[in-house]
């Protein structure tokens, strides 16, 4: 079953609509909303992806999975990315990933 478990959408710095999905295929995928084209396919989990969230400005993504990890992915455009950090150590799957926003 290749179900999508989580989806987030926002606009990037250029005002363009972007979507991120995570699912049972263990992939985090980023999409151009207008063209519906997949711009990034990222394999950073060994089991299904539970949650994906864009950072403000859509420059990076947090993901979490049943493999007991959370990942911070920095998007670089044109299909390029860096997995900046993978957090390990939970005894069960990680269900939700969120960015904290500070109010000023």
PDB file of N, CA and C in Angstrom:
ATOM      1  N   UNK A   1       0.845  -1.185   0.000  1.00  0.00           N
ATOM      2  CA  UNK A   1       0.000   0.000   0.000  1.00  0.00           C
ATOM      3  C   UNK A   1       0.881   1.235   0.000  1.00  0.00           C
ATOM      4  N   UNK A   2       0.790   2.057  -1.025  1.00  0.00           N
ATOM      5  CA  UNK A   2       1.617   3.252  -1.161  1.00  0.00           C
ATOM      6  C   UNK A   2       0.854   4.511  -0.747  1.00  0.00           C
ATOM      7  N   UNK A   3       0.166   4.444   0.356  1.00  0.00           N
ATOM      8  CA  UNK A   3      -0.657   5.562   0.830  1.00  0.00           C
ATOM      9  C   UNK A   3       0.206   6.753   1.226  1.00  0.00           C
ATOM     10  N   UNK A   4      -0.360   7.944   1.062  1.00  0.00           N
ATOM     11  CA  UNK A   4       0.249   9.170   1.567  1.00  0.00           C
ATOM     12  C   UNK A   4      -0.292   9.376   2.977  1.00  0.00           C
ATOM     13  N   UNK A   5       0.611   9.504   3.945  1.00  0.00           N
ATOM     14  CA  UNK A   5       0.223   9.659   5.349  1.00  0.00           C
ATOM     15  C   UNK A   5       0.190  11.110   5.809  1.00  0.00           C
ATOM     16  N   UNK A   6       0.937  11.979   5.114  1.00  0.00           N
ATOM     17  CA  UNK A   6       1.017  13.363   5.552  1.00  0.00           C
ATOM     18  C   UNK A   6       1.260  14.261   4.344  1.00  0.00           C
ATOM     19  N   UNK A   7       0.692  15.459   4.411  1.00  0.00           N
ATOM     20  CA  UNK A   7       0.862  16.442   3.343  1.00  0.00           C
ATOM     21  C   UNK A   7       0.903  17.830   3.972  1.00  0.00           C
ATOM     22  N   UNK A   8       1.755  18.690   3.426  1.00  0.00           N
ATOM     23  CA  UNK A   8       1.824  20.078   3.868  1.00  0.00           C
ATOM     24  C   UNK A   8       2.002  20.935   2.620  1.00  0.00           C
ATOM     25  N   UNK A   9       1.454  22.126   2.638  1.00  0.00           N
ATOM     26  CA  UNK A   9       1.627  23.026   1.498  1.00  0.00           C
ATOM     27  C   UNK A   9       1.847  24.444   2.008  1.00  0.00           C
ATOM     28  N   UNK A  10       2.570  25.216   1.201  1.00  0.00           N
ATOM     29  CA  UNK A  10       2.888  26.587   1.557  1.00  0.00           C
ATOM     30  C   UNK A  10       3.334  27.303   0.289  1.00  0.00           C
ATOM     31  N   UNK A  11       3.796  28.528   0.440  1.00  0.00           N
ATOM     32  CA  UNK A  11       4.427  29.231  -0.676  1.00  0.00           C
ATOM     33  C   UNK A  11       5.892  29.429  -0.334  1.00  0.00           C
ATOM     34  N   UNK A  12       6.740  29.357  -1.354  1.00  0.00           N
ATOM     35  CA  UNK A  12       8.169  29.567  -1.122  1.00  0.00           C
ATOM     36  C   UNK A  12       8.479  31.060  -1.155  1.00  0.00           C
ATOM     37  N   UNK A  13       9.743  31.393  -1.085  1.00  0.00           N
ATOM     38  CA  UNK A  13      10.143  32.810  -1.045  1.00  0.00           C
ATOM     39  C   UNK A  13       9.739  33.581  -2.297  1.00  0.00           C
ATOM     40  N   UNK A  14       9.550  32.857  -3.403  1.00  0.00           N
ATOM     41  CA  UNK A  14       9.151  33.486  -4.662  1.00  0.00           C
ATOM     42  C   UNK A  14       7.635  33.556  -4.823  1.00  0.00           C
ATOM     43  N   UNK A  15       6.891  33.147  -3.801  1.00  0.00           N
ATOM     44  CA  UNK A  15       5.443  33.168  -3.858  1.00  0.00           C
ATOM     45  C   UNK A  15       4.838  32.012  -4.631  1.00  0.00           C
ATOM     46  N   UNK A  16       5.649  31.015  -4.943  1.00  0.00           N
ATOM     47  CA  UNK A  16       5.200  29.853  -5.710  1.00  0.00           C
ATOM     48  C   UNK A  16       4.670  28.776  -4.765  1.00  0.00           C
ATOM     49  N   UNK A  17       3.562  28.147  -5.127  1.00  0.00           N
ATOM     50  CA  UNK A  17       2.984  27.095  -4.303  1.00  0.00           C
ATOM     51  C   UNK A  17       3.820  25.824  -4.343  1.00  0.00           C
ATOM     52  N   UNK A  18       4.077  25.268  -3.155  1.00  0.00           N
ATOM     53  CA  UNK A  18       4.848  24.025  -3.042  1.00  0.00           C
ATOM     54  C   UNK A  18       4.132  23.084  -2.077  1.00  0.00           C
ATOM     55  N   UNK A  19       4.299  21.788  -2.329  1.00  0.00           N
ATOM     56  CA  UNK A  19       3.650  20.748  -1.540  1.00  0.00           C
ATOM     57  C   UNK A  19       4.713  19.725  -1.155  1.00  0.00           C
ATOM     58  N   UNK A  20       4.596  19.172   0.055  1.00  0.00           N
ATOM     59  CA  UNK A  20       5.452  18.065   0.467  1.00  0.00           C
ATOM     60  C   UNK A  20       4.555  16.930   0.943  1.00  0.00           C
ATOM     61  N   UNK A  21       4.917  15.694   0.582  1.00  0.00           N
ATOM     62  CA  UNK A  21       4.154  14.517   0.994  1.00  0.00           C
ATOM     63  C   UNK A  21       5.095  13.474   1.578  1.00  0.00           C
ATOM     64  N   UNK A  22       4.550  12.630   2.437  1.00  0.00           N
ATOM     65  CA  UNK A  22       5.289  11.500   2.992  1.00  0.00           C
ATOM     66  C   UNK A  22       4.351  10.326   3.115  1.00  0.00           C
ATOM     67  N   UNK A  23       4.846   9.119   2.838  1.00  0.00           N
ATOM     68  CA  UNK A  23       3.927   7.999   2.854  1.00  0.00           C
ATOM     69  C   UNK A  23       4.555   6.649   3.101  1.00  0.00           C
ATOM     70  N   UNK A  24       3.797   5.622   2.754  1.00  0.00           N
ATOM     71  CA  UNK A  24       4.194   4.238   3.003  1.00  0.00           C
ATOM     72  C   UNK A  24       5.376   3.783   2.148  1.00  0.00           C
ATOM     73  N   UNK A  25       5.714   4.533   1.098  1.00  0.00           N
ATOM     74  CA  UNK A  25       6.850   4.172   0.251  1.00  0.00           C
ATOM     75  C   UNK A  25       8.186   4.622   0.838  1.00  0.00           C
ATOM     76  N   UNK A  26       8.166   5.179   2.054  1.00  0.00           N
ATOM     77  CA  UNK A  26       9.357   5.653   2.791  1.00  0.00           C
ATOM     78  C   UNK A  26       9.984   6.900   2.180  1.00  0.00           C
ATOM     79  N   UNK A  27       9.296   7.555   1.261  1.00  0.00           N
ATOM     80  CA  UNK A  27       9.834   8.734   0.592  1.00  0.00           C
ATOM     81  C   UNK A  27       9.200  10.013   1.113  1.00  0.00           C
ATOM     82  N   UNK A  28       9.997  11.079   1.103  1.00  0.00           N
ATOM     83  CA  UNK A  28       9.517  12.442   1.269  1.00  0.00           C
ATOM     84  C   UNK A  28       9.604  13.056  -0.125  1.00  0.00           C
ATOM     85  N   UNK A  29       8.475  13.530  -0.650  1.00  0.00           N
ATOM     86  CA  UNK A  29       8.445  14.088  -2.002  1.00  0.00           C
ATOM     87  C   UNK A  29       7.980  15.536  -1.961  1.00  0.00           C
ATOM     88  N   UNK A  30       8.680  16.401  -2.700  1.00  0.00           N
ATOM     89  CA  UNK A  30       8.285  17.798  -2.840  1.00  0.00           C
ATOM     90  C   UNK A  30       7.742  17.994  -4.248  1.00  0.00           C
ATOM     91  N   UNK A  31       6.733  18.852  -4.345  1.00  0.00           N
ATOM     92  CA  UNK A  31       6.003  19.040  -5.590  1.00  0.00           C
ATOM     93  C   UNK A  31       5.826  20.520  -5.898  1.00  0.00           C
ATOM     94  N   UNK A  32       5.859  20.861  -7.176  1.00  0.00           N
ATOM     95  CA  UNK A  32       5.487  22.181  -7.656  1.00  0.00           C
ATOM     96  C   UNK A  32       3.965  22.173  -7.798  1.00  0.00           C
ATOM     97  N   UNK A  33       3.281  23.041  -7.070  1.00  0.00           N
ATOM     98  CA  UNK A  33       1.819  23.022  -7.063  1.00  0.00           C
ATOM     99  C   UNK A  33       1.234  23.318  -8.451  1.00  0.00           C
ATOM    100  N   UNK A  34       1.803  24.292  -9.159  1.00  0.00           N
ATOM    101  CA  UNK A  34       1.256  24.688 -10.459  1.00  0.00           C
ATOM    102  C   UNK A  34       1.416  23.610 -11.517  1.00  0.00           C
ATOM    103  N   UNK A  35       2.602  23.030 -11.614  1.00  0.00           N
ATOM    104  CA  UNK A  35       2.868  22.057 -12.681  1.00  0.00           C
ATOM    105  C   UNK A  35       2.551  20.629 -12.258  1.00  0.00           C
ATOM    106  N   UNK A  36       2.377  20.414 -10.944  1.00  0.00           N
ATOM    107  CA  UNK A  36       2.147  19.072 -10.367  1.00  0.00           C
ATOM    108  C   UNK A  36       3.352  18.156 -10.534  1.00  0.00           C
ATOM    109  N   UNK A  37       4.511  18.730 -10.827  1.00  0.00           N
ATOM    110  CA  UNK A  37       5.740  17.952 -11.030  1.00  0.00           C
ATOM    111  C   UNK A  37       6.427  17.691  -9.690  1.00  0.00           C
ATOM    112  N   UNK A  38       6.957  16.490  -9.531  1.00  0.00           N
ATOM    113  CA  UNK A  38       7.754  16.158  -8.355  1.00  0.00           C
ATOM    114  C   UNK A  38       9.140  16.760  -8.535  1.00  0.00           C
ATOM    115  N   UNK A  39       9.545  17.622  -7.603  1.00  0.00           N
ATOM    116  CA  UNK A  39      10.843  18.299  -7.708  1.00  0.00           C
ATOM    117  C   UNK A  39      11.929  17.622  -6.878  1.00  0.00           C
ATOM    118  N   UNK A  40      11.560  16.878  -5.858  1.00  0.00           N
ATOM    119  CA  UNK A  40      12.508  16.181  -4.991  1.00  0.00           C
ATOM    120  C   UNK A  40      11.907  14.845  -4.552  1.00  0.00           C
ATOM    121  N   UNK A  41      12.672  13.765  -4.644  1.00  0.00           N
ATOM    122  CA  UNK A  41      12.316  12.467  -4.060  1.00  0.00           C
ATOM    123  C   UNK A  41      13.434  12.133  -3.092  1.00  0.00           C
ATOM    124  N   UNK A  42      13.092  12.094  -1.811  1.00  0.00           N
ATOM    125  CA  UNK A  42      14.110  11.987  -0.770  1.00  0.00           C
ATOM    126  C   UNK A  42      13.878  10.723   0.040  1.00  0.00           C
ATOM    127  N   UNK A  43      14.895   9.863   0.093  1.00  0.00           N
ATOM    128  CA  UNK A  43      14.824   8.620   0.871  1.00  0.00           C
ATOM    129  C   UNK A  43      15.658   8.830   2.133  1.00  0.00           C
ATOM    130  N   UNK A  44      14.983   9.147   3.236  1.00  0.00           N
ATOM    131  CA  UNK A  44      15.702   9.349   4.495  1.00  0.00           C
ATOM    132  C   UNK A  44      15.089   8.533   5.627  1.00  0.00           C
ATOM    133  N   UNK A  45      14.119   7.683   5.306  1.00  0.00           N
ATOM    134  CA  UNK A  45      13.496   6.802   6.297  1.00  0.00           C
ATOM    135  C   UNK A  45      13.517   5.373   5.770  1.00  0.00           C
ATOM    136  N   UNK A  46      13.624   4.413   6.679  1.00  0.00           N
ATOM    137  CA  UNK A  46      13.629   2.996   6.318  1.00  0.00           C
ATOM    138  C   UNK A  46      12.266   2.343   6.475  1.00  0.00           C
ATOM    139  N   UNK A  47      11.344   3.054   7.093  1.00  0.00           N
ATOM    140  CA  UNK A  47       9.958   2.598   7.216  1.00  0.00           C
ATOM    141  C   UNK A  47       9.061   3.771   6.844  1.00  0.00           C
ATOM    142  N   UNK A  48       7.765   3.566   6.866  1.00  0.00           N
ATOM    143  CA  UNK A  48       6.843   4.582   6.368  1.00  0.00           C
ATOM    144  C   UNK A  48       7.023   5.929   7.051  1.00  0.00           C
ATOM    145  N   UNK A  49       6.771   6.981   6.282  1.00  0.00           N
ATOM    146  CA  UNK A  49       6.857   8.358   6.771  1.00  0.00           C
ATOM    147  C   UNK A  49       5.511   8.729   7.383  1.00  0.00           C
ATOM    148  N   UNK A  50       5.544   9.168   8.632  1.00  0.00           N
ATOM    149  CA  UNK A  50       4.320   9.523   9.359  1.00  0.00           C
ATOM    150  C   UNK A  50       3.921  10.984   9.174  1.00  0.00           C
ATOM    151  N   UNK A  51       4.916  11.883   9.112  1.00  0.00           N
ATOM    152  CA  UNK A  51       4.609  13.309   9.145  1.00  0.00           C
ATOM    153  C   UNK A  51       5.653  14.095   8.359  1.00  0.00           C
ATOM    154  N   UNK A  52       5.199  15.132   7.650  1.00  0.00           N
ATOM    155  CA  UNK A  52       6.093  16.061   6.955  1.00  0.00           C
ATOM    156  C   UNK A  52       5.595  17.484   7.198  1.00  0.00           C
ATOM    157  N   UNK A  53       6.530  18.422   7.360  1.00  0.00           N
ATOM    158  CA  UNK A  53       6.175  19.826   7.546  1.00  0.00           C
ATOM    159  C   UNK A  53       7.250  20.708   6.928  1.00  0.00           C
ATOM    160  N   UNK A  54       6.806  21.743   6.211  1.00  0.00           N
ATOM    161  CA  UNK A  54       7.720  22.749   5.682  1.00  0.00           C
ATOM    162  C   UNK A  54       8.133  23.711   6.780  1.00  0.00           C
ATOM    163  N   UNK A  55       9.357  24.197   6.705  1.00  0.00           N
ATOM    164  CA  UNK A  55       9.793  25.336   7.515  1.00  0.00           C
ATOM    165  C   UNK A  55       9.226  26.598   6.869  1.00  0.00           C
ATOM    166  N   UNK A  56       9.093  27.670   7.619  1.00  0.00           N
ATOM    167  CA  UNK A  56       8.672  28.934   7.009  1.00  0.00           C
ATOM    168  C   UNK A  56       9.583  29.284   5.829  1.00  0.00           C
ATOM    169  N   UNK A  57       8.999  29.674   4.710  1.00  0.00           N
ATOM    170  CA  UNK A  57       9.771  29.991   3.508  1.00  0.00           C
ATOM    171  C   UNK A  57      10.046  28.790   2.627  1.00  0.00           C
ATOM    172  N   UNK A  58       9.674  27.605   3.091  1.00  0.00           N
ATOM    173  CA  UNK A  58       9.821  26.359   2.327  1.00  0.00           C
ATOM    174  C   UNK A  58      11.264  26.058   1.941  1.00  0.00           C
ATOM    175  N   UNK A  59      12.206  26.438   2.820  1.00  0.00           N
ATOM    176  CA  UNK A  59      13.621  26.155   2.536  1.00  0.00           C
ATOM    177  C   UNK A  59      14.054  24.803   3.083  1.00  0.00           C
ATOM    178  N   UNK A  60      13.260  24.238   3.978  1.00  0.00           N
ATOM    179  CA  UNK A  60      13.581  22.919   4.515  1.00  0.00           C
ATOM    180  C   UNK A  60      12.305  22.220   4.971  1.00  0.00           C
ATOM    181  N   UNK A  61      12.463  20.926   5.258  1.00  0.00           N
ATOM    182  CA  UNK A  61      11.345  20.069   5.642  1.00  0.00           C
ATOM    183  C   UNK A  61      11.763  19.250   6.853  1.00  0.00           C
ATOM    184  N   UNK A  62      10.839  19.045   7.772  1.00  0.00           N
ATOM    185  CA  UNK A  62      11.009  18.057   8.842  1.00  0.00           C
ATOM    186  C   UNK A  62      10.144  16.860   8.492  1.00  0.00           C
ATOM    187  N   UNK A  63      10.670  15.670   8.733  1.00  0.00           N
ATOM    188  CA  UNK A  63       9.878  14.460   8.528  1.00  0.00           C
ATOM    189  C   UNK A  63      10.079  13.539   9.720  1.00  0.00           C
ATOM    190  N   UNK A  64       9.105  12.672   9.933  1.00  0.00           N
ATOM    191  CA  UNK A  64       9.224  11.679  10.999  1.00  0.00           C
ATOM    192  C   UNK A  64       8.650  10.369  10.498  1.00  0.00           C
ATOM    193  N   UNK A  65       9.135   9.262  11.091  1.00  0.00           N
ATOM    194  CA  UNK A  65       8.710   7.979  10.565  1.00  0.00           C
ATOM    195  C   UNK A  65       8.588   6.867  11.575  1.00  0.00           C
ATOM    196  N   UNK A  66       8.047   5.759  11.071  1.00  0.00           N
ATOM    197  CA  UNK A  66       7.897   4.544  11.876  1.00  0.00           C
ATOM    198  C   UNK A  66       9.242   3.915  12.210  1.00  0.00           C
ATOM    199  N   UNK A  67      10.310   4.331  11.534  1.00  0.00           N
ATOM    200  CA  UNK A  67      11.648   3.798  11.811  1.00  0.00           C
ATOM    201  C   UNK A  67      12.277   4.442  13.046  1.00  0.00           C
ATOM    202  N   UNK A  68      11.463   5.184  13.804  1.00  0.00           N
ATOM    203  CA  UNK A  68      11.887   5.797  15.073  1.00  0.00           C
ATOM    204  C   UNK A  68      12.859   6.958  14.864  1.00  0.00           C
ATOM    205  N   UNK A  69      12.758   7.631  13.692  1.00  0.00           N
ATOM    206  CA  UNK A  69      13.639   8.757  13.409  1.00  0.00           C
ATOM    207  C   UNK A  69      12.840   9.990  12.995  1.00  0.00           C
ATOM    208  N   UNK A  70      13.510  11.132  13.114  1.00  0.00           N
ATOM    209  CA  UNK A  70      13.038  12.393  12.547  1.00  0.00           C
ATOM    210  C   UNK A  70      14.188  12.948  11.718  1.00  0.00           C
ATOM    211  N   UNK A  71      13.880  13.576  10.600  1.00  0.00           N
ATOM    212  CA  UNK A  71      14.922  14.092   9.709  1.00  0.00           C
ATOM    213  C   UNK A  71      14.668  15.554   9.387  1.00  0.00           C
ATOM    214  N   UNK A  72      15.764  16.311   9.261  1.00  0.00           N
ATOM    215  CA  UNK A  72      15.709  17.700   8.816  1.00  0.00           C
ATOM    216  C   UNK A  72      16.359  17.742   7.438  1.00  0.00           C
ATOM    217  N   UNK A  73      15.585  18.124   6.429  1.00  0.00           N
ATOM    218  CA  UNK A  73      16.030  18.119   5.042  1.00  0.00           C
ATOM    219  C   UNK A  73      16.089  19.557   4.551  1.00  0.00           C
ATOM    220  N   UNK A  74      17.254  19.985   4.054  1.00  0.00           N
ATOM    221  CA  UNK A  74      17.416  21.328   3.506  1.00  0.00           C
ATOM    222  C   UNK A  74      17.275  21.235   1.990  1.00  0.00           C
ATOM    223  N   UNK A  75      16.310  21.975   1.437  1.00  0.00           N
ATOM    224  CA  UNK A  75      16.055  21.961  -0.006  1.00  0.00           C
ATOM    225  C   UNK A  75      16.936  22.981  -0.699  1.00  0.00           C
ATOM    226  N   UNK A  76      17.560  22.566  -1.815  1.00  0.00           N
ATOM    227  CA  UNK A  76      18.495  23.435  -2.512  1.00  0.00           C
ATOM    228  C   UNK A  76      18.062  23.766  -3.932  1.00  0.00           C
ATOM    229  N   UNK A  77      16.869  23.331  -4.327  1.00  0.00           N
ATOM    230  CA  UNK A  77      16.391  23.618  -5.673  1.00  0.00           C
ATOM    231  C   UNK A  77      16.935  22.635  -6.693  1.00  0.00           C
ATOM    232  N   UNK A  78      16.274  22.579  -7.842  1.00  0.00           N
ATOM    233  CA  UNK A  78      16.669  21.723  -8.963  1.00  0.00           C
ATOM    234  C   UNK A  78      16.899  20.275  -8.541  1.00  0.00           C
ATOM    235  N   UNK A  79      16.071  19.789  -7.620  1.00  0.00           N
ATOM    236  CA  UNK A  79      16.168  18.393  -7.203  1.00  0.00           C
ATOM    237  C   UNK A  79      17.273  18.101  -6.210  1.00  0.00           C
ATOM    238  N   UNK A  80      17.997  19.114  -5.776  1.00  0.00           N
ATOM    239  CA  UNK A  80      19.111  18.906  -4.846  1.00  0.00           C
ATOM    240  C   UNK A  80      18.668  19.184  -3.414  1.00  0.00           C
ATOM    241  N   UNK A  81      19.271  18.449  -2.486  1.00  0.00           N
ATOM    242  CA  UNK A  81      18.935  18.598  -1.077  1.00  0.00           C
ATOM    243  C   UNK A  81      20.070  18.037  -0.231  1.00  0.00           C
ATOM    244  N   UNK A  82      20.065  18.397   1.033  1.00  0.00           N
ATOM    245  CA  UNK A  82      20.952  17.811   2.040  1.00  0.00           C
ATOM    246  C   UNK A  82      20.096  17.324   3.185  1.00  0.00           C
ATOM    247  N   UNK A  83      20.348  16.101   3.641  1.00  0.00           N
ATOM    248  CA  UNK A  83      19.737  15.648   4.885  1.00  0.00           C
ATOM    249  C   UNK A  83      20.650  16.187   5.983  1.00  0.00           C
ATOM    250  N   UNK A  84      20.235  17.295   6.585  1.00  0.00           N
ATOM    251  CA  UNK A  84      21.080  18.006   7.545  1.00  0.00           C
ATOM    252  C   UNK A  84      21.231  17.244   8.850  1.00  0.00           C
ATOM    253  N   UNK A  85      20.186  16.527   9.259  1.00  0.00           N
ATOM    254  CA  UNK A  85      20.239  15.787  10.518  1.00  0.00           C
ATOM    255  C   UNK A  85      19.208  14.673  10.506  1.00  0.00           C
ATOM    256  N   UNK A  86      19.581  13.544  11.079  1.00  0.00           N
ATOM    257  CA  UNK A  86      18.640  12.463  11.349  1.00  0.00           C
ATOM    258  C   UNK A  86      18.716  12.200  12.852  1.00  0.00           C
ATOM    259  N   UNK A  87      17.594  12.367  13.522  1.00  0.00           N
ATOM    260  CA  UNK A  87      17.543  12.182  14.967  1.00  0.00           C
ATOM    261  C   UNK A  87      17.066  10.769  15.269  1.00  0.00           C
ATOM    262  N   UNK A  88      17.875  10.017  15.996  1.00  0.00           N
ATOM    263  CA  UNK A  88      17.564   8.624  16.325  1.00  0.00           C
ATOM    264  C   UNK A  88      17.504   8.463  17.838  1.00  0.00           C
ATOM    265  N   UNK A  89      16.829   7.407  18.285  1.00  0.00           N
ATOM    266  CA  UNK A  89      16.853   7.113  19.707  1.00  0.00           C
ATOM    267  C   UNK A  89      15.501   6.847  20.333  1.00  0.00           C
ATOM    268  N   UNK A  90      14.430   7.117  19.600  1.00  0.00           N
ATOM    269  CA  UNK A  90      13.107   6.823  20.150  1.00  0.00           C
ATOM    270  C   UNK A  90      12.873   5.321  20.173  1.00  0.00           C
ATOM    271  N   UNK A  91      12.080   4.864  21.120  1.00  0.00           N
ATOM    272  CA  UNK A  91      11.803   3.432  21.225  1.00  0.00           C
ATOM    273  C   UNK A  91      10.625   3.011  20.355  1.00  0.00           C
ATOM    274  N   UNK A  92       9.862   3.981  19.819  1.00  0.00           N
ATOM    275  CA  UNK A  92       8.731   3.707  18.930  1.00  0.00           C
ATOM    276  C   UNK A  92       8.757   4.697  17.778  1.00  0.00           C
ATOM    277  N   UNK A  93       7.860   4.490  16.819  1.00  0.00           N
ATOM    278  CA  UNK A  93       7.769   5.402  15.685  1.00  0.00           C
ATOM    279  C   UNK A  93       7.492   6.827  16.128  1.00  0.00           C
ATOM    280  N   UNK A  94       7.986   7.783  15.342  1.00  0.00           N
ATOM    281  CA  UNK A  94       7.767   9.204  15.614  1.00  0.00           C
ATOM    282  C   UNK A  94       6.587   9.645  14.759  1.00  0.00           C
ATOM    283  N   UNK A  95       5.524  10.102  15.382  1.00  0.00           N
ATOM    284  CA  UNK A  95       4.264  10.358  14.685  1.00  0.00           C
ATOM    285  C   UNK A  95       4.136  11.757  14.082  1.00  0.00           C
ATOM    286  N   UNK A  96       4.746  12.773  14.697  1.00  0.00           N
ATOM    287  CA  UNK A  96       4.528  14.146  14.236  1.00  0.00           C
ATOM    288  C   UNK A  96       5.841  14.913  14.224  1.00  0.00           C
ATOM    289  N   UNK A  97       6.029  15.728  13.191  1.00  0.00           N
ATOM    290  CA  UNK A  97       7.172  16.644  13.102  1.00  0.00           C
ATOM    291  C   UNK A  97       6.627  18.045  12.889  1.00  0.00           C
ATOM    292  N   UNK A  98       7.073  18.987  13.690  1.00  0.00           N
ATOM    293  CA  UNK A  98       6.625  20.381  13.582  1.00  0.00           C
ATOM    294  C   UNK A  98       7.799  21.320  13.796  1.00  0.00           C
ATOM    295  N   UNK A  99       7.774  22.469  13.126  1.00  0.00           N
ATOM    296  CA  UNK A  99       8.730  23.530  13.388  1.00  0.00           C
ATOM    297  C   UNK A  99       8.131  24.447  14.445  1.00  0.00           C
ATOM    298  N   UNK A 100       8.914  24.856  15.397  1.00  0.00           N
ATOM    299  CA  UNK A 100       8.479  25.855  16.374  1.00  0.00           C
ATOM    300  C   UNK A 100       8.693  27.233  15.756  1.00  0.00           C
ATOM    301  N   UNK A 101       7.743  28.118  15.931  1.00  0.00           N
ATOM    302  CA  UNK A 101       7.893  29.475  15.432  1.00  0.00           C
ATOM    303  C   UNK A 101       7.901  30.428  16.605  1.00  0.00           C
ATOM    304  N   UNK A 102       8.845  31.326  16.578  1.00  0.00           N
ATOM    305  CA  UNK A 102       8.965  32.311  17.658  1.00  0.00           C
ATOM    306  C   UNK A 102       8.189  33.554  17.286  1.00  0.00           C
ATOM    307  N   UNK A 103       7.450  34.092  18.225  1.00  0.00           N
ATOM    308  CA  UNK A 103       6.749  35.366  18.002  1.00  0.00           C
ATOM    309  C   UNK A 103       7.631  36.484  18.507  1.00  0.00           C
ATOM    310  N   UNK A 104       7.693  37.528  17.703  1.00  0.00           N
ATOM    311  CA  UNK A 104       8.536  38.668  18.085  1.00  0.00           C
ATOM    312  C   UNK A 104       7.699  39.886  18.343  1.00  0.00           C
TER     313      UNK A 104
END
